[in-house]
Amino acid sequence: MEAGALLLLDAGVECDSLYTADITRTLPINGKFSGEQRAIYDLVWEAQRVGIEAVAPGNDFLEPNRRAMRVLAEGLIGLGILQHSLDEALDPANQFYRRYTLHNVSHMLGIDVHDCAKARAENYRYGILRAGMVLTVEPGLYFQPDDATVPERFRGIGVRIEDDIVVTGDGCENLSAILPSRADAVESWIAAMQS
C-alpha cells in the first residue's frame, strides 16, 4: 500500500448466533485524506447520512437509495464531474451518476451478508420497511484511474462507507455506529492506532 492511497475495507463478520455484519470503511493509508479524497469522502458520507435518515417503518426499501443517489448526483454536478442538470442526471432513462456509483445503497442483512436474495421482489426490493428488518446503507463513488470523464485530480479515488441499520418502531438505529465514519473521526482513529 502506498502513502497517499486509500484502503477500502469491506468486512463481513459472522457472530456465534450465525447473524452477520457487513461494514465498510475507507481509510487513508498515511492517516490524512488529500483535499480531493476528502471532497469525495465527505460527499459519500453526506449521501449515507441522508440514506440512513430514510430508513424508517413504512418507507419503501428503495427510499434510502433514492435519497442517497440524489445527494451523490448533486455532488457530482457540483464537482464538475457530471455536466447535466439534476433532473437529467436522475432521470431513470439516463441515470448518469451510475457510471460512478456502480451499486445500489442497500441490501438486507441477516443470516447471510446479502440476505433475502431469493425473496419475492414485492417483499424485498419493492417492499415496505418494517421494524426489526436490518439492512445496509452503503453509498459509494468510484473513479477509475484512466476515466477521461473525470477531472484528473479525482481519478483513482474510490470511497464507500457502509453501516448496518435496524429499522425500529419509529425510525432506525445504526448497529455499527461505534466505528468512526466522519472524515475527521477516521483521521483521529488512525492517528490513535499509530501512536
Protein backbone atom coordinates (compact mmCIF):
# COMPACT_ATOMS: atom_id res chain seq x y z
CA MET A 1 0.00 0.00 0.00
CA GLU A 2 1.30 3.40 -0.96
CA ALA A 3 1.27 6.56 1.12
CA GLY A 4 -1.44 8.82 -0.24
CA ALA A 5 -3.63 5.91 -1.34
CA LEU A 6 -6.96 4.86 0.14
CA LEU A 7 -7.82 1.44 1.55
CA LEU A 8 -11.44 0.41 1.06
CA LEU A 9 -12.03 -2.26 3.73
CA ASP A 10 -15.30 -4.22 3.37
CA ALA A 11 -15.74 -6.61 6.30
CA GLY A 12 -18.42 -9.21 6.81
CA VAL A 13 -18.38 -10.76 10.28
CA GLU A 14 -20.47 -13.70 11.46
CA CYS A 15 -21.42 -13.96 15.14
CA ASP A 16 -21.93 -17.14 17.18
CA SER A 17 -25.64 -16.57 16.61
CA LEU A 18 -24.92 -17.01 12.87
CA TYR A 19 -26.12 -13.46 12.14
CA THR A 20 -23.79 -11.41 10.01
CA ALA A 21 -22.49 -7.87 9.79
CA ASP A 22 -21.33 -6.05 6.67
CA ILE A 23 -19.37 -2.86 7.28
CA THR A 24 -17.11 -0.79 5.03
CA ARG A 25 -14.72 1.99 5.86
CA THR A 26 -12.39 3.84 3.52
CA LEU A 27 -9.12 4.72 5.21
CA PRO A 28 -6.26 6.98 4.10
CA ILE A 29 -3.09 4.90 4.28
CA ASN A 30 -0.96 7.79 5.56
CA GLY A 31 -3.64 8.87 8.05
CA LYS A 32 -4.83 12.01 6.26
CA PHE A 33 -7.20 12.48 3.33
CA SER A 34 -5.93 14.66 0.50
CA GLY A 35 -8.19 17.56 -0.45
CA GLU A 36 -9.64 15.64 -3.40
CA GLN A 37 -10.09 12.44 -1.37
CA ARG A 38 -11.79 14.41 1.38
CA ALA A 39 -14.17 16.10 -1.07
CA ILE A 40 -15.30 12.69 -2.36
CA TYR A 41 -15.34 11.15 1.12
CA ASP A 42 -17.47 13.98 2.55
CA LEU A 43 -19.90 13.66 -0.37
CA VAL A 44 -20.29 9.91 0.21
CA TRP A 45 -20.65 10.50 3.96
CA GLU A 46 -23.46 13.01 3.36
CA ALA A 47 -25.20 10.60 0.97
CA GLN A 48 -25.01 7.91 3.64
CA ARG A 49 -26.35 10.25 6.34
CA VAL A 50 -29.35 11.12 4.17
CA GLY A 51 -29.85 7.45 3.24
CA ILE A 52 -29.84 6.40 6.89
CA GLU A 53 -32.43 9.09 7.67
CA ALA A 54 -34.72 7.40 5.14
CA VAL A 55 -34.64 4.06 6.98
CA ALA A 56 -37.98 4.09 8.80
CA PRO A 57 -41.00 1.82 9.08
CA GLY A 58 -43.45 2.49 6.27
CA ASN A 59 -40.83 3.75 3.80
CA ASP A 60 -40.18 1.52 0.85
CA PHE A 61 -36.90 -0.38 0.61
CA LEU A 62 -35.58 1.83 -2.22
CA GLU A 63 -36.16 5.16 -0.42
CA PRO A 64 -32.66 5.26 1.15
CA ASN A 65 -31.21 4.57 -2.31
CA ARG A 66 -33.22 7.35 -3.98
CA ARG A 67 -32.24 9.91 -1.37
CA ALA A 68 -28.55 8.95 -1.31
CA MET A 69 -28.29 8.92 -5.11
CA ARG A 70 -29.80 12.40 -5.25
CA VAL A 71 -27.06 13.68 -2.92
CA LEU A 72 -24.37 11.92 -4.98
CA ALA A 73 -25.74 13.29 -8.27
CA GLU A 74 -25.89 16.83 -6.85
CA GLY A 75 -22.33 16.47 -5.59
CA LEU A 76 -21.06 15.12 -8.90
CA ILE A 77 -22.61 18.12 -10.65
CA GLY A 78 -21.09 20.47 -8.08
CA LEU A 79 -17.63 18.95 -8.60
CA GLY A 80 -17.95 19.35 -12.37
CA ILE A 81 -17.91 15.59 -13.00
CA LEU A 82 -21.46 15.48 -14.35
CA GLN A 83 -22.32 18.06 -16.99
CA HIS A 84 -26.10 17.62 -16.75
CA SER A 85 -28.94 19.11 -14.77
CA LEU A 86 -30.03 17.23 -11.67
CA ASP A 87 -33.28 16.21 -13.36
CA GLU A 88 -31.36 14.82 -16.35
CA ALA A 89 -28.89 13.00 -14.12
CA LEU A 90 -31.65 11.38 -12.01
CA ASP A 91 -33.99 10.56 -14.89
CA PRO A 92 -34.44 6.74 -14.78
CA ALA A 93 -33.80 6.64 -18.54
CA ASN A 94 -30.38 8.28 -18.03
CA GLN A 95 -29.01 7.66 -14.52
CA PHE A 96 -25.78 9.41 -15.50
CA TYR A 97 -24.47 9.14 -11.92
CA ARG A 98 -24.49 5.30 -12.17
CA ARG A 99 -21.19 5.32 -14.05
CA TYR A 100 -19.52 6.29 -10.76
CA THR A 101 -21.76 4.64 -8.15
CA LEU A 102 -21.77 1.06 -9.53
CA HIS A 103 -24.25 -0.34 -6.97
CA ASN A 104 -27.40 0.50 -5.07
CA VAL A 105 -27.19 1.69 -1.49
CA SER A 106 -28.80 -1.16 0.44
CA HIS A 107 -29.26 -4.87 0.82
CA MET A 108 -30.92 -6.83 3.59
CA LEU A 109 -28.72 -8.36 6.26
CA GLY A 110 -29.30 -11.38 8.48
CA ILE A 111 -28.21 -14.99 8.36
CA ASP A 112 -26.32 -14.13 5.18
CA VAL A 113 -24.39 -10.99 4.25
CA HIS A 114 -26.80 -10.49 1.35
CA ASP A 115 -29.93 -11.91 2.95
CA CYS A 116 -33.26 -12.22 1.14
CA ALA A 117 -31.58 -12.71 -2.23
CA LYS A 118 -34.34 -15.10 -3.32
CA ALA A 119 -37.18 -13.20 -1.67
CA ARG A 120 -40.08 -12.05 -3.82
CA ALA A 121 -39.48 -8.58 -5.23
CA GLU A 122 -42.71 -7.28 -3.68
CA ASN A 123 -41.40 -8.28 -0.23
CA TYR A 124 -37.83 -7.09 -0.69
CA ARG A 125 -36.75 -4.71 -3.45
CA TYR A 126 -40.24 -3.24 -3.80
CA GLY A 127 -41.31 -3.98 -0.24
CA ILE A 128 -42.01 -1.77 2.75
CA LEU A 129 -39.57 -1.44 5.65
CA ARG A 130 -40.85 -2.86 8.94
CA ALA A 131 -39.49 -2.77 12.49
CA GLY A 132 -36.92 -5.50 13.04
CA MET A 133 -35.58 -5.54 9.48
CA VAL A 134 -31.83 -4.98 9.14
CA LEU A 135 -30.23 -3.50 6.04
CA THR A 136 -27.01 -1.87 4.98
CA VAL A 137 -26.70 1.71 3.85
CA GLU A 138 -23.56 1.90 1.71
CA PRO A 139 -23.23 4.60 -0.91
CA GLY A 140 -20.02 4.72 -2.88
CA LEU A 141 -18.24 6.66 -5.58
CA TYR A 142 -15.54 5.06 -7.70
CA PHE A 143 -13.40 6.82 -10.29
CA GLN A 144 -11.20 4.67 -12.50
CA PRO A 145 -7.60 5.89 -12.89
CA ASP A 146 -7.98 6.17 -16.67
CA ASP A 147 -11.52 7.59 -16.87
CA ALA A 148 -11.24 10.71 -19.03
CA THR A 149 -14.79 11.77 -18.00
CA VAL A 150 -13.41 12.59 -14.53
CA PRO A 151 -11.13 15.54 -13.78
CA GLU A 152 -7.60 14.17 -13.37
CA ARG A 153 -7.37 15.18 -9.71
CA PHE A 154 -10.21 12.74 -8.83
CA ARG A 155 -9.08 9.79 -10.94
CA GLY A 156 -8.30 6.65 -8.97
CA ILE A 157 -10.31 7.67 -5.91
CA GLY A 158 -12.83 5.16 -4.59
CA VAL A 159 -14.88 5.64 -1.44
CA ARG A 160 -17.59 3.57 0.21
CA ILE A 161 -18.99 3.93 3.72
CA GLU A 162 -21.25 1.12 4.92
CA ASP A 163 -23.16 0.66 8.16
CA ASP A 164 -25.72 -1.85 9.38
CA ILE A 165 -29.06 -0.27 10.21
CA VAL A 166 -32.00 -1.85 12.06
CA VAL A 167 -35.50 -0.48 11.47
CA THR A 168 -37.08 0.44 14.81
CA GLY A 169 -40.69 1.25 15.67
CA ASP A 170 -40.17 4.94 14.94
CA GLY A 171 -37.02 5.18 12.83
CA CYS A 172 -33.73 3.32 12.89
CA GLU A 173 -30.59 2.53 14.85
CA ASN A 174 -27.07 2.30 13.45
CA LEU A 175 -25.70 -1.01 14.78
CA SER A 176 -22.15 -0.21 13.64
CA ALA A 177 -22.00 3.41 14.82
CA ILE A 178 -19.12 2.60 17.17
CA LEU A 179 -16.78 2.67 14.16
CA PRO A 180 -15.87 6.22 13.15
CA SER A 181 -17.15 7.36 9.79
CA ARG A 182 -16.76 11.16 9.57
CA ALA A 183 -13.50 12.15 7.90
CA ASP A 184 -12.06 13.92 10.99
CA ALA A 185 -13.00 10.96 13.20
CA VAL A 186 -11.39 8.49 10.77
CA GLU A 187 -8.17 10.51 10.75
CA SER A 188 -8.19 10.70 14.56
CA TRP A 189 -8.84 6.96 14.79
CA ILE A 190 -5.85 6.19 12.56
CA ALA A 191 -3.64 8.62 14.50
CA ALA A 192 -4.62 6.93 17.78
CA MET A 193 -3.75 3.50 16.36
CA GLN A 194 -0.35 4.76 15.16
CA SER A 195 0.64 6.32 18.48
